[in-house]
Amino acid sequence: MCKFLDDGRIPLTNSRAERSIRPFAVHRKNWLFADTVDGANANAIYYSIIESAKSNHLNIYKYINYLLEVLPQLEGEQTEEDIEKYLPWSKELPEDILNFDGEYKELEVQ
């Protein structure tokens, strides 16, 4: 408490830090229901895609929809160069997915 009173830059609460780790804690609870190793791997892949999209400032909803629409239509074996254009850091993604300025909100569990 003394450090808090000595330095006015220290925030009154740690809510900001708690909010930043909340999504991971929520997902961790969901992972308890992954009954198989394959289910756990699928959860990890999905979480990784979403967090990568966030860090690349993509519209997550539109990005996931785009992947689900486009990737199943690819035919034949794909090379790394073919897949590169669908990754979150690709500049070849549609413009409405890139440069998302909105706020990322967690889904509310009821």
PDB file of N, CA and C in Angstrom:
ATOM      1  N   MET A   1       0.821  -1.194   0.000  1.00  0.00           N
ATOM      2  CA  MET A   1       0.000   0.000   0.000  1.00  0.00           C
ATOM      3  C   MET A   1       0.866   1.259   0.000  1.00  0.00           C
ATOM      4  N   CYS A   2       2.015   1.216   0.644  1.00  0.00           N
ATOM      5  CA  CYS A   2       2.890   2.389   0.704  1.00  0.00           C
ATOM      6  C   CYS A   2       3.398   2.772  -0.679  1.00  0.00           C
ATOM      7  N   LYS A   3       3.769   1.778  -1.492  1.00  0.00           N
ATOM      8  CA  LYS A   3       4.250   2.055  -2.854  1.00  0.00           C
ATOM      9  C   LYS A   3       3.162   2.730  -3.671  1.00  0.00           C
ATOM     10  N   PHE A   4       1.943   2.302  -3.490  1.00  0.00           N
ATOM     11  CA  PHE A   4       0.820   2.886  -4.203  1.00  0.00           C
ATOM     12  C   PHE A   4       0.678   4.368  -3.862  1.00  0.00           C
ATOM     13  N   LEU A   5       0.845   4.714  -2.610  1.00  0.00           N
ATOM     14  CA  LEU A   5       0.714   6.106  -2.183  1.00  0.00           C
ATOM     15  C   LEU A   5       1.905   6.962  -2.614  1.00  0.00           C
ATOM     16  N   ASP A   6       3.075   6.350  -2.779  1.00  0.00           N
ATOM     17  CA  ASP A   6       4.278   7.091  -3.181  1.00  0.00           C
ATOM     18  C   ASP A   6       4.297   7.419  -4.668  1.00  0.00           C
ATOM     19  N   ASP A   7       3.677   6.592  -5.483  1.00  0.00           N
ATOM     20  CA  ASP A   7       3.768   6.754  -6.936  1.00  0.00           C
ATOM     21  C   ASP A   7       2.361   6.816  -7.537  1.00  0.00           C
ATOM     22  N   GLY A   8       1.985   7.966  -8.029  1.00  0.00           N
ATOM     23  CA  GLY A   8       0.650   8.174  -8.590  1.00  0.00           C
ATOM     24  C   GLY A   8       0.421   7.471  -9.916  1.00  0.00           C
ATOM     25  N   ARG A   9       1.467   6.941 -10.525  1.00  0.00           N
ATOM     26  CA  ARG A   9       1.311   6.232 -11.796  1.00  0.00           C
ATOM     27  C   ARG A   9       0.775   4.822 -11.608  1.00  0.00           C
ATOM     28  N   ILE A  10       0.841   4.311 -10.401  1.00  0.00           N
ATOM     29  CA  ILE A  10       0.366   2.949 -10.148  1.00  0.00           C
ATOM     30  C   ILE A  10      -1.161   2.980 -10.128  1.00  0.00           C
ATOM     31  N   PRO A  11      -1.807   2.128 -10.954  1.00  0.00           N
ATOM     32  CA  PRO A  11      -3.271   2.149 -11.007  1.00  0.00           C
ATOM     33  C   PRO A  11      -3.905   1.657  -9.699  1.00  0.00           C
ATOM     34  N   LEU A  12      -5.126   2.116  -9.455  1.00  0.00           N
ATOM     35  CA  LEU A  12      -5.825   1.727  -8.237  1.00  0.00           C
ATOM     36  C   LEU A  12      -6.166   0.241  -8.211  1.00  0.00           C
ATOM     37  N   THR A  13      -6.405  -0.344  -9.378  1.00  0.00           N
ATOM     38  CA  THR A  13      -6.776  -1.755  -9.438  1.00  0.00           C
ATOM     39  C   THR A  13      -5.909  -2.473 -10.469  1.00  0.00           C
ATOM     40  N   ASN A  14      -5.986  -3.770 -10.458  1.00  0.00           N
ATOM     41  CA  ASN A  14      -5.284  -4.548 -11.474  1.00  0.00           C
ATOM     42  C   ASN A  14      -6.290  -5.114 -12.481  1.00  0.00           C
ATOM     43  N   SER A  15      -7.427  -4.463 -12.625  1.00  0.00           N
ATOM     44  CA  SER A  15      -8.482  -4.927 -13.527  1.00  0.00           C
ATOM     45  C   SER A  15      -7.986  -5.072 -14.957  1.00  0.00           C
ATOM     46  N   ARG A  16      -7.136  -4.181 -15.386  1.00  0.00           N
ATOM     47  CA  ARG A  16      -6.627  -4.240 -16.758  1.00  0.00           C
ATOM     48  C   ARG A  16      -5.855  -5.534 -16.999  1.00  0.00           C
ATOM     49  N   ALA A  17      -4.999  -5.881 -16.050  1.00  0.00           N
ATOM     50  CA  ALA A  17      -4.228  -7.122 -16.173  1.00  0.00           C
ATOM     51  C   ALA A  17      -5.151  -8.334 -16.105  1.00  0.00           C
ATOM     52  N   GLU A  18      -6.136  -8.295 -15.226  1.00  0.00           N
ATOM     53  CA  GLU A  18      -7.071  -9.408 -15.107  1.00  0.00           C
ATOM     54  C   GLU A  18      -7.892  -9.586 -16.378  1.00  0.00           C
ATOM     55  N   ARG A  19      -8.307  -8.487 -16.990  1.00  0.00           N
ATOM     56  CA  ARG A  19      -9.080  -8.568 -18.242  1.00  0.00           C
ATOM     57  C   ARG A  19      -8.242  -9.149 -19.373  1.00  0.00           C
ATOM     58  N   SER A  20      -6.947  -8.862 -19.369  1.00  0.00           N
ATOM     59  CA  SER A  20      -6.103  -9.362 -20.457  1.00  0.00           C
ATOM     60  C   SER A  20      -5.897 -10.872 -20.381  1.00  0.00           C
ATOM     61  N   ILE A  21      -5.936 -11.462 -19.186  1.00  0.00           N
ATOM     62  CA  ILE A  21      -5.755 -12.910 -19.082  1.00  0.00           C
ATOM     63  C   ILE A  21      -7.078 -13.662 -18.973  1.00  0.00           C
ATOM     64  N   ARG A  22      -8.186 -12.949 -18.844  1.00  0.00           N
ATOM     65  CA  ARG A  22      -9.489 -13.601 -18.705  1.00  0.00           C
ATOM     66  C   ARG A  22      -9.826 -14.537 -19.861  1.00  0.00           C
ATOM     67  N   PRO A  23      -9.612 -14.143 -21.127  1.00  0.00           N
ATOM     68  CA  PRO A  23      -9.949 -15.064 -22.223  1.00  0.00           C
ATOM     69  C   PRO A  23      -9.227 -16.404 -22.100  1.00  0.00           C
ATOM     70  N   PHE A  24      -7.978 -16.371 -21.697  1.00  0.00           N
ATOM     71  CA  PHE A  24      -7.246 -17.634 -21.567  1.00  0.00           C
ATOM     72  C   PHE A  24      -7.841 -18.486 -20.455  1.00  0.00           C
ATOM     73  N   ALA A  25      -8.213 -17.846 -19.336  1.00  0.00           N
ATOM     74  CA  ALA A  25      -8.806 -18.595 -18.225  1.00  0.00           C
ATOM     75  C   ALA A  25     -10.145 -19.207 -18.627  1.00  0.00           C
ATOM     76  N   VAL A  26     -10.943 -18.481 -19.389  1.00  0.00           N
ATOM     77  CA  VAL A  26     -12.227 -19.006 -19.852  1.00  0.00           C
ATOM     78  C   VAL A  26     -12.006 -20.191 -20.775  1.00  0.00           C
ATOM     79  N   HIS A  27     -11.063 -20.057 -21.690  1.00  0.00           N
ATOM     80  CA  HIS A  27     -10.767 -21.157 -22.606  1.00  0.00           C
ATOM     81  C   HIS A  27     -10.227 -22.368 -21.851  1.00  0.00           C
ATOM     82  N   ARG A  28      -9.419 -22.119 -20.829  1.00  0.00           N
ATOM     83  CA  ARG A  28      -8.858 -23.220 -20.050  1.00  0.00           C
ATOM     84  C   ARG A  28      -9.974 -24.060 -19.427  1.00  0.00           C
ATOM     85  N   LYS A  29     -11.029 -23.399 -18.940  1.00  0.00           N
ATOM     86  CA  LYS A  29     -12.173 -24.126 -18.387  1.00  0.00           C
ATOM     87  C   LYS A  29     -12.873 -24.933 -19.483  1.00  0.00           C
ATOM     88  N   ASN A  30     -12.969 -24.371 -20.664  1.00  0.00           N
ATOM     89  CA  ASN A  30     -13.596 -25.090 -21.769  1.00  0.00           C
ATOM     90  C   ASN A  30     -12.770 -26.304 -22.179  1.00  0.00           C
ATOM     91  N   TRP A  31     -11.455 -26.207 -22.067  1.00  0.00           N
ATOM     92  CA  TRP A  31     -10.588 -27.312 -22.471  1.00  0.00           C
ATOM     93  C   TRP A  31     -10.766 -28.530 -21.576  1.00  0.00           C
ATOM     94  N   LEU A  32     -11.316 -28.338 -20.389  1.00  0.00           N
ATOM     95  CA  LEU A  32     -11.561 -29.476 -19.509  1.00  0.00           C
ATOM     96  C   LEU A  32     -12.537 -30.467 -20.143  1.00  0.00           C
ATOM     97  N   PHE A  33     -13.353 -29.982 -21.077  1.00  0.00           N
ATOM     98  CA  PHE A  33     -14.358 -30.825 -21.705  1.00  0.00           C
ATOM     99  C   PHE A  33     -13.873 -31.446 -23.013  1.00  0.00           C
ATOM    100  N   ALA A  34     -12.615 -31.243 -23.336  1.00  0.00           N
ATOM    101  CA  ALA A  34     -12.044 -31.905 -24.509  1.00  0.00           C
ATOM    102  C   ALA A  34     -11.719 -33.336 -24.085  1.00  0.00           C
ATOM    103  N   ASP A  35     -12.590 -34.262 -24.454  1.00  0.00           N
ATOM    104  CA  ASP A  35     -12.488 -35.636 -23.963  1.00  0.00           C
ATOM    105  C   ASP A  35     -11.344 -36.434 -24.585  1.00  0.00           C
ATOM    106  N   THR A  36     -10.819 -35.970 -25.710  1.00  0.00           N
ATOM    107  CA  THR A  36      -9.781 -36.724 -26.392  1.00  0.00           C
ATOM    108  C   THR A  36      -8.599 -35.818 -26.704  1.00  0.00           C
ATOM    109  N   VAL A  37      -7.501 -36.425 -27.061  1.00  0.00           N
ATOM    110  CA  VAL A  37      -6.325 -35.655 -27.468  1.00  0.00           C
ATOM    111  C   VAL A  37      -6.640 -34.869 -28.735  1.00  0.00           C
ATOM    112  N   ASP A  38      -7.387 -35.480 -29.650  1.00  0.00           N
ATOM    113  CA  ASP A  38      -7.765 -34.776 -30.883  1.00  0.00           C
ATOM    114  C   ASP A  38      -8.628 -33.556 -30.573  1.00  0.00           C
ATOM    115  N   GLY A  39      -9.530 -33.683 -29.605  1.00  0.00           N
ATOM    116  CA  GLY A  39     -10.359 -32.540 -29.204  1.00  0.00           C
ATOM    117  C   GLY A  39      -9.524 -31.424 -28.606  1.00  0.00           C
ATOM    118  N   ALA A  40      -8.548 -31.785 -27.783  1.00  0.00           N
ATOM    119  CA  ALA A  40      -7.656 -30.783 -27.193  1.00  0.00           C
ATOM    120  C   ALA A  40      -6.816 -30.100 -28.269  1.00  0.00           C
ATOM    121  N   ASN A  41      -6.345 -30.878 -29.236  1.00  0.00           N
ATOM    122  CA  ASN A  41      -5.571 -30.291 -30.342  1.00  0.00           C
ATOM    123  C   ASN A  41      -6.429 -29.339 -31.163  1.00  0.00           C
ATOM    124  N   ALA A  42      -7.676 -29.707 -31.414  1.00  0.00           N
ATOM    125  CA  ALA A  42      -8.583 -28.829 -32.162  1.00  0.00           C
ATOM    126  C   ALA A  42      -8.814 -27.523 -31.409  1.00  0.00           C
ATOM    127  N   ASN A  43      -9.001 -27.597 -30.095  1.00  0.00           N
ATOM    128  CA  ASN A  43      -9.165 -26.387 -29.282  1.00  0.00           C
ATOM    129  C   ASN A  43      -7.928 -25.502 -29.364  1.00  0.00           C
ATOM    130  N   ALA A  44      -6.759 -26.101 -29.287  1.00  0.00           N
ATOM    131  CA  ALA A  44      -5.513 -25.333 -29.336  1.00  0.00           C
ATOM    132  C   ALA A  44      -5.346 -24.645 -30.689  1.00  0.00           C
ATOM    133  N   ILE A  45      -5.686 -25.344 -31.756  1.00  0.00           N
ATOM    134  CA  ILE A  45      -5.583 -24.755 -33.097  1.00  0.00           C
ATOM    135  C   ILE A  45      -6.548 -23.580 -33.235  1.00  0.00           C
ATOM    136  N   TYR A  46      -7.781 -23.768 -32.792  1.00  0.00           N
ATOM    137  CA  TYR A  46      -8.795 -22.709 -32.887  1.00  0.00           C
ATOM    138  C   TYR A  46      -8.363 -21.488 -32.076  1.00  0.00           C
ATOM    139  N   TYR A  47      -7.892 -21.719 -30.850  1.00  0.00           N
ATOM    140  CA  TYR A  47      -7.442 -20.626 -29.998  1.00  0.00           C
ATOM    141  C   TYR A  47      -6.264 -19.897 -30.638  1.00  0.00           C
ATOM    142  N   SER A  48      -5.347 -20.644 -31.228  1.00  0.00           N
ATOM    143  CA  SER A  48      -4.182 -20.058 -31.870  1.00  0.00           C
ATOM    144  C   SER A  48      -4.583 -19.184 -33.061  1.00  0.00           C
ATOM    145  N   ILE A  49      -5.521 -19.658 -33.853  1.00  0.00           N
ATOM    146  CA  ILE A  49      -5.992 -18.878 -35.010  1.00  0.00           C
ATOM    147  C   ILE A  49      -6.616 -17.567 -34.544  1.00  0.00           C
ATOM    148  N   ILE A  50      -7.443 -17.634 -33.525  1.00  0.00           N
ATOM    149  CA  ILE A  50      -8.119 -16.424 -33.032  1.00  0.00           C
ATOM    150  C   ILE A  50      -7.116 -15.435 -32.448  1.00  0.00           C
ATOM    151  N   GLU A  51      -6.205 -15.898 -31.629  1.00  0.00           N
ATOM    152  CA  GLU A  51      -5.228 -14.986 -31.030  1.00  0.00           C
ATOM    153  C   GLU A  51      -4.285 -14.406 -32.086  1.00  0.00           C
ATOM    154  N   SER A  52      -3.933 -15.183 -33.095  1.00  0.00           N
ATOM    155  CA  SER A  52      -3.105 -14.664 -34.189  1.00  0.00           C
ATOM    156  C   SER A  52      -3.859 -13.606 -34.980  1.00  0.00           C
ATOM    157  N   ALA A  53      -5.146 -13.834 -35.195  1.00  0.00           N
ATOM    158  CA  ALA A  53      -5.965 -12.851 -35.900  1.00  0.00           C
ATOM    159  C   ALA A  53      -6.062 -11.559 -35.090  1.00  0.00           C
ATOM    160  N   LYS A  54      -6.213 -11.676 -33.770  1.00  0.00           N
ATOM    161  CA  LYS A  54      -6.258 -10.484 -32.915  1.00  0.00           C
ATOM    162  C   LYS A  54      -4.966  -9.688 -33.025  1.00  0.00           C
ATOM    163  N   SER A  55      -3.835 -10.381 -32.921  1.00  0.00           N
ATOM    164  CA  SER A  55      -2.556  -9.668 -32.939  1.00  0.00           C
ATOM    165  C   SER A  55      -2.242  -9.063 -34.303  1.00  0.00           C
ATOM    166  N   ASN A  56      -2.922  -9.528 -35.352  1.00  0.00           N
ATOM    167  CA  ASN A  56      -2.742  -8.947 -36.684  1.00  0.00           C
ATOM    168  C   ASN A  56      -3.870  -7.985 -37.043  1.00  0.00           C
ATOM    169  N   HIS A  57      -4.676  -7.618 -36.059  1.00  0.00           N
ATOM    170  CA  HIS A  57      -5.751  -6.623 -36.204  1.00  0.00           C
ATOM    171  C   HIS A  57      -6.751  -6.998 -37.299  1.00  0.00           C
ATOM    172  N   LEU A  58      -7.171  -8.265 -37.297  1.00  0.00           N
ATOM    173  CA  LEU A  58      -8.168  -8.721 -38.271  1.00  0.00           C
ATOM    174  C   LEU A  58      -9.545  -8.707 -37.630  1.00  0.00           C
ATOM    175  N   ASN A  59     -10.552  -8.602 -38.468  1.00  0.00           N
ATOM    176  CA  ASN A  59     -11.915  -8.804 -38.013  1.00  0.00           C
ATOM    177  C   ASN A  59     -12.081 -10.316 -37.864  1.00  0.00           C
ATOM    178  N   ILE A  60     -12.089 -10.793 -36.632  1.00  0.00           N
ATOM    179  CA  ILE A  60     -12.030 -12.229 -36.369  1.00  0.00           C
ATOM    180  C   ILE A  60     -13.230 -12.961 -36.964  1.00  0.00           C
ATOM    181  N   TYR A  61     -14.408 -12.419 -36.767  1.00  0.00           N
ATOM    182  CA  TYR A  61     -15.618 -13.074 -37.271  1.00  0.00           C
ATOM    183  C   TYR A  61     -15.548 -13.252 -38.792  1.00  0.00           C
ATOM    184  N   LYS A  62     -15.191 -12.185 -39.482  1.00  0.00           N
ATOM    185  CA  LYS A  62     -15.102 -12.256 -40.945  1.00  0.00           C
ATOM    186  C   LYS A  62     -13.950 -13.157 -41.392  1.00  0.00           C
ATOM    187  N   TYR A  63     -12.859 -13.158 -40.649  1.00  0.00           N
ATOM    188  CA  TYR A  63     -11.708 -13.990 -40.994  1.00  0.00           C
ATOM    189  C   TYR A  63     -12.065 -15.477 -40.884  1.00  0.00           C
ATOM    190  N   ILE A  64     -12.686 -15.867 -39.781  1.00  0.00           N
ATOM    191  CA  ILE A  64     -13.070 -17.270 -39.606  1.00  0.00           C
ATOM    192  C   ILE A  64     -14.076 -17.679 -40.679  1.00  0.00           C
ATOM    193  N   ASN A  65     -15.064 -16.818 -40.953  1.00  0.00           N
ATOM    194  CA  ASN A  65     -16.040 -17.111 -42.020  1.00  0.00           C
ATOM    195  C   ASN A  65     -15.341 -17.278 -43.367  1.00  0.00           C
ATOM    196  N   TYR A  66     -14.390 -16.402 -43.637  1.00  0.00           N
ATOM    197  CA  TYR A  66     -13.638 -16.464 -44.894  1.00  0.00           C
ATOM    198  C   TYR A  66     -12.899 -17.796 -45.010  1.00  0.00           C
ATOM    199  N   LEU A  67     -12.213 -18.196 -43.931  1.00  0.00           N
ATOM    200  CA  LEU A  67     -11.484 -19.465 -43.956  1.00  0.00           C
ATOM    201  C   LEU A  67     -12.427 -20.649 -44.163  1.00  0.00           C
ATOM    202  N   LEU A  68     -13.575 -20.614 -43.487  1.00  0.00           N
ATOM    203  CA  LEU A  68     -14.525 -21.723 -43.611  1.00  0.00           C
ATOM    204  C   LEU A  68     -15.191 -21.778 -44.985  1.00  0.00           C
ATOM    205  N   GLU A  69     -15.262 -20.654 -45.669  1.00  0.00           N
ATOM    206  CA  GLU A  69     -15.840 -20.635 -47.016  1.00  0.00           C
ATOM    207  C   GLU A  69     -14.813 -21.019 -48.087  1.00  0.00           C
ATOM    208  N   VAL A  70     -13.593 -20.534 -47.949  1.00  0.00           N
ATOM    209  CA  VAL A  70     -12.600 -20.678 -49.007  1.00  0.00           C
ATOM    210  C   VAL A  70     -11.796 -21.981 -48.909  1.00  0.00           C
ATOM    211  N   LEU A  71     -11.321 -22.319 -47.735  1.00  0.00           N
ATOM    212  CA  LEU A  71     -10.423 -23.477 -47.607  1.00  0.00           C
ATOM    213  C   LEU A  71     -11.052 -24.805 -48.050  1.00  0.00           C
ATOM    214  N   PRO A  72     -12.319 -25.075 -47.742  1.00  0.00           N
ATOM    215  CA  PRO A  72     -12.883 -26.349 -48.212  1.00  0.00           C
ATOM    216  C   PRO A  72     -12.982 -26.452 -49.737  1.00  0.00           C
ATOM    217  N   GLN A  73     -12.946 -25.327 -50.432  1.00  0.00           N
ATOM    218  CA  GLN A  73     -13.069 -25.336 -51.888  1.00  0.00           C
ATOM    219  C   GLN A  73     -11.731 -25.555 -52.601  1.00  0.00           C
ATOM    220  N   LEU A  74     -10.625 -25.529 -51.855  1.00  0.00           N
ATOM    221  CA  LEU A  74      -9.321 -25.758 -52.472  1.00  0.00           C
ATOM    222  C   LEU A  74      -9.225 -27.209 -52.919  1.00  0.00           C
ATOM    223  N   GLU A  75      -8.705 -27.404 -54.098  1.00  0.00           N
ATOM    224  CA  GLU A  75      -8.596 -28.755 -54.632  1.00  0.00           C
ATOM    225  C   GLU A  75      -7.138 -29.168 -54.747  1.00  0.00           C
ATOM    226  N   GLY A  76      -6.879 -30.435 -54.554  1.00  0.00           N
ATOM    227  CA  GLY A  76      -5.531 -30.960 -54.702  1.00  0.00           C
ATOM    228  C   GLY A  76      -4.652 -30.604 -53.525  1.00  0.00           C
ATOM    229  N   GLU A  77      -3.428 -31.048 -53.615  1.00  0.00           N
ATOM    230  CA  GLU A  77      -2.468 -30.777 -52.567  1.00  0.00           C
ATOM    231  C   GLU A  77      -1.983 -29.338 -52.679  1.00  0.00           C
ATOM    232  N   GLN A  78      -1.897 -28.662 -51.550  1.00  0.00           N
ATOM    233  CA  GLN A  78      -1.503 -27.257 -51.524  1.00  0.00           C
ATOM    234  C   GLN A  78      -0.042 -27.124 -51.100  1.00  0.00           C
ATOM    235  N   THR A  79       0.652 -26.163 -51.700  1.00  0.00           N
ATOM    236  CA  THR A  79       2.027 -25.874 -51.299  1.00  0.00           C
ATOM    237  C   THR A  79       2.008 -24.838 -50.182  1.00  0.00           C
ATOM    238  N   GLU A  80       3.156 -24.621 -49.576  1.00  0.00           N
ATOM    239  CA  GLU A  80       3.248 -23.611 -48.519  1.00  0.00           C
ATOM    240  C   GLU A  80       2.880 -22.232 -49.055  1.00  0.00           C
ATOM    241  N   GLU A  81       3.271 -21.938 -50.274  1.00  0.00           N
ATOM    242  CA  GLU A  81       2.967 -20.636 -50.875  1.00  0.00           C
ATOM    243  C   GLU A  81       1.461 -20.458 -51.058  1.00  0.00           C
ATOM    244  N   ASP A  82       0.753 -21.550 -51.382  1.00  0.00           N
ATOM    245  CA  ASP A  82      -0.698 -21.478 -51.538  1.00  0.00           C
ATOM    246  C   ASP A  82      -1.380 -21.168 -50.211  1.00  0.00           C
ATOM    247  N   ILE A  83      -0.904 -21.782 -49.150  1.00  0.00           N
ATOM    248  CA  ILE A  83      -1.506 -21.605 -47.823  1.00  0.00           C
ATOM    249  C   ILE A  83      -1.137 -20.258 -47.218  1.00  0.00           C
ATOM    250  N   GLU A  84       0.034 -19.728 -47.544  1.00  0.00           N
ATOM    251  CA  GLU A  84       0.504 -18.445 -46.991  1.00  0.00           C
ATOM    252  C   GLU A  84      -0.527 -17.333 -47.140  1.00  0.00           C
ATOM    253  N   LYS A  85      -1.246 -17.302 -48.247  1.00  0.00           N
ATOM    254  CA  LYS A  85      -2.181 -16.189 -48.484  1.00  0.00           C
ATOM    255  C   LYS A  85      -3.418 -16.235 -47.595  1.00  0.00           C
ATOM    256  N   TYR A  86      -3.594 -17.303 -46.820  1.00  0.00           N
ATOM    257  CA  TYR A  86      -4.739 -17.412 -45.911  1.00  0.00           C
ATOM    258  C   TYR A  86      -4.349 -17.209 -44.449  1.00  0.00           C
ATOM    259  N   LEU A  87      -3.062 -17.053 -44.179  1.00  0.00           N
ATOM    260  CA  LEU A  87      -2.597 -16.871 -42.812  1.00  0.00           C
ATOM    261  C   LEU A  87      -2.913 -15.455 -42.321  1.00  0.00           C
ATOM    262  N   PRO A  88      -3.030 -15.269 -41.011  1.00  0.00           N
ATOM    263  CA  PRO A  88      -3.466 -13.966 -40.474  1.00  0.00           C
ATOM    264  C   PRO A  88      -2.591 -12.781 -40.855  1.00  0.00           C
ATOM    265  N   TRP A  89      -1.322 -12.983 -41.145  1.00  0.00           N
ATOM    266  CA  TRP A  89      -0.432 -11.869 -41.475  1.00  0.00           C
ATOM    267  C   TRP A  89      -0.338 -11.604 -42.978  1.00  0.00           C
ATOM    268  N   SER A  90      -1.104 -12.330 -43.754  1.00  0.00           N
ATOM    269  CA  SER A  90      -1.070 -12.160 -45.200  1.00  0.00           C
ATOM    270  C   SER A  90      -1.715 -10.837 -45.618  1.00  0.00           C
ATOM    271  N   LYS A  91      -1.082 -10.172 -46.559  1.00  0.00           N
ATOM    272  CA  LYS A  91      -1.647  -8.927 -47.109  1.00  0.00           C
ATOM    273  C   LYS A  91      -2.629  -9.218 -48.244  1.00  0.00           C
ATOM    274  N   GLU A  92      -2.785 -10.509 -48.610  1.00  0.00           N
ATOM    275  CA  GLU A  92      -3.689 -10.895 -49.681  1.00  0.00           C
ATOM    276  C   GLU A  92      -5.110 -11.180 -49.193  1.00  0.00           C
ATOM    277  N   LEU A  93      -5.365 -11.017 -47.904  1.00  0.00           N
ATOM    278  CA  LEU A  93      -6.715 -11.226 -47.379  1.00  0.00           C
ATOM    279  C   LEU A  93      -7.625 -10.105 -47.867  1.00  0.00           C
ATOM    280  N   PRO A  94      -8.935 -10.350 -47.949  1.00  0.00           N
ATOM    281  CA  PRO A  94      -9.861  -9.295 -48.373  1.00  0.00           C
ATOM    282  C   PRO A  94      -9.776  -8.059 -47.471  1.00  0.00           C
ATOM    283  N   GLU A  95      -9.995  -6.911 -48.061  1.00  0.00           N
ATOM    284  CA  GLU A  95      -9.852  -5.637 -47.357  1.00  0.00           C
ATOM    285  C   GLU A  95     -10.775  -5.516 -46.137  1.00  0.00           C
ATOM    286  N   ASP A  96     -11.979  -6.099 -46.205  1.00  0.00           N
ATOM    287  CA  ASP A  96     -12.911  -5.977 -45.077  1.00  0.00           C
ATOM    288  C   ASP A  96     -12.472  -6.806 -43.861  1.00  0.00           C
ATOM    289  N   ILE A  97     -11.488  -7.670 -44.035  1.00  0.00           N
ATOM    290  CA  ILE A  97     -10.946  -8.453 -42.921  1.00  0.00           C
ATOM    291  C   ILE A  97      -9.741  -7.747 -42.304  1.00  0.00           C
ATOM    292  N   LEU A  98      -8.947  -7.084 -43.123  1.00  0.00           N
ATOM    293  CA  LEU A  98      -7.725  -6.415 -42.670  1.00  0.00           C
ATOM    294  C   LEU A  98      -8.021  -5.132 -41.915  1.00  0.00           C
ATOM    295  N   ASN A  99      -7.096  -4.733 -41.066  1.00  0.00           N
ATOM    296  CA  ASN A  99      -7.110  -3.441 -40.369  1.00  0.00           C
ATOM    297  C   ASN A  99      -8.397  -3.189 -39.593  1.00  0.00           C
ATOM    298  N   PHE A 100      -8.773  -4.121 -38.752  1.00  0.00           N
ATOM    299  CA  PHE A 100      -9.964  -3.989 -37.910  1.00  0.00           C
ATOM    300  C   PHE A 100      -9.688  -2.963 -36.820  1.00  0.00           C
ATOM    301  N   ASP A 101     -10.546  -1.945 -36.716  1.00  0.00           N
ATOM    302  CA  ASP A 101     -10.356  -0.890 -35.719  1.00  0.00           C
ATOM    303  C   ASP A 101     -11.248  -1.069 -34.503  1.00  0.00           C
ATOM    304  N   GLY A 102     -12.154  -2.035 -34.534  1.00  0.00           N
ATOM    305  CA  GLY A 102     -13.096  -2.226 -33.438  1.00  0.00           C
ATOM    306  C   GLY A 102     -12.441  -2.814 -32.202  1.00  0.00           C
ATOM    307  N   GLU A 103     -13.267  -3.025 -31.209  1.00  0.00           N
ATOM    308  CA  GLU A 103     -12.793  -3.595 -29.962  1.00  0.00           C
ATOM    309  C   GLU A 103     -13.151  -5.076 -29.938  1.00  0.00           C
ATOM    310  N   TYR A 104     -12.209  -5.904 -29.532  1.00  0.00           N
ATOM    311  CA  TYR A 104     -12.478  -7.333 -29.425  1.00  0.00           C
ATOM    312  C   TYR A 104     -13.230  -7.584 -28.130  1.00  0.00           C
ATOM    313  N   LYS A 105     -14.363  -8.245 -28.238  1.00  0.00           N
ATOM    314  CA  LYS A 105     -15.168  -8.537 -27.053  1.00  0.00           C
ATOM    315  C   LYS A 105     -15.297 -10.045 -26.898  1.00  0.00           C
ATOM    316  N   GLU A 106     -15.262 -10.477 -25.675  1.00  0.00           N
ATOM    317  CA  GLU A 106     -15.456 -11.897 -25.386  1.00  0.00           C
ATOM    318  C   GLU A 106     -16.949 -12.211 -25.422  1.00  0.00           C
ATOM    319  N   LEU A 107     -17.261 -13.418 -25.797  1.00  0.00           N
ATOM    320  CA  LEU A 107     -18.647 -13.855 -25.764  1.00  0.00           C
ATOM    321  C   LEU A 107     -19.079 -13.970 -24.313  1.00  0.00           C
ATOM    322  N   GLU A 108     -20.307 -13.563 -24.040  1.00  0.00           N
ATOM    323  CA  GLU A 108     -20.818 -13.654 -22.690  1.00  0.00           C
ATOM    324  C   GLU A 108     -21.479 -15.005 -22.495  1.00  0.00           C
ATOM    325  N   VAL A 109     -21.068 -15.688 -21.447  1.00  0.00           N
ATOM    326  CA  VAL A 109     -21.655 -16.974 -21.110  1.00  0.00           C
ATOM    327  C   VAL A 109     -22.830 -16.738 -20.182  1.00  0.00           C
ATOM    328  N   GLN A 110     -23.958 -17.314 -20.525  1.00  0.00           N
ATOM    329  CA  GLN A 110     -25.140 -17.086 -19.683  1.00  0.00           C
ATOM    330  C   GLN A 110     -25.525 -18.296 -18.901  1.00  0.00           C
TER     331      GLN A 110
END
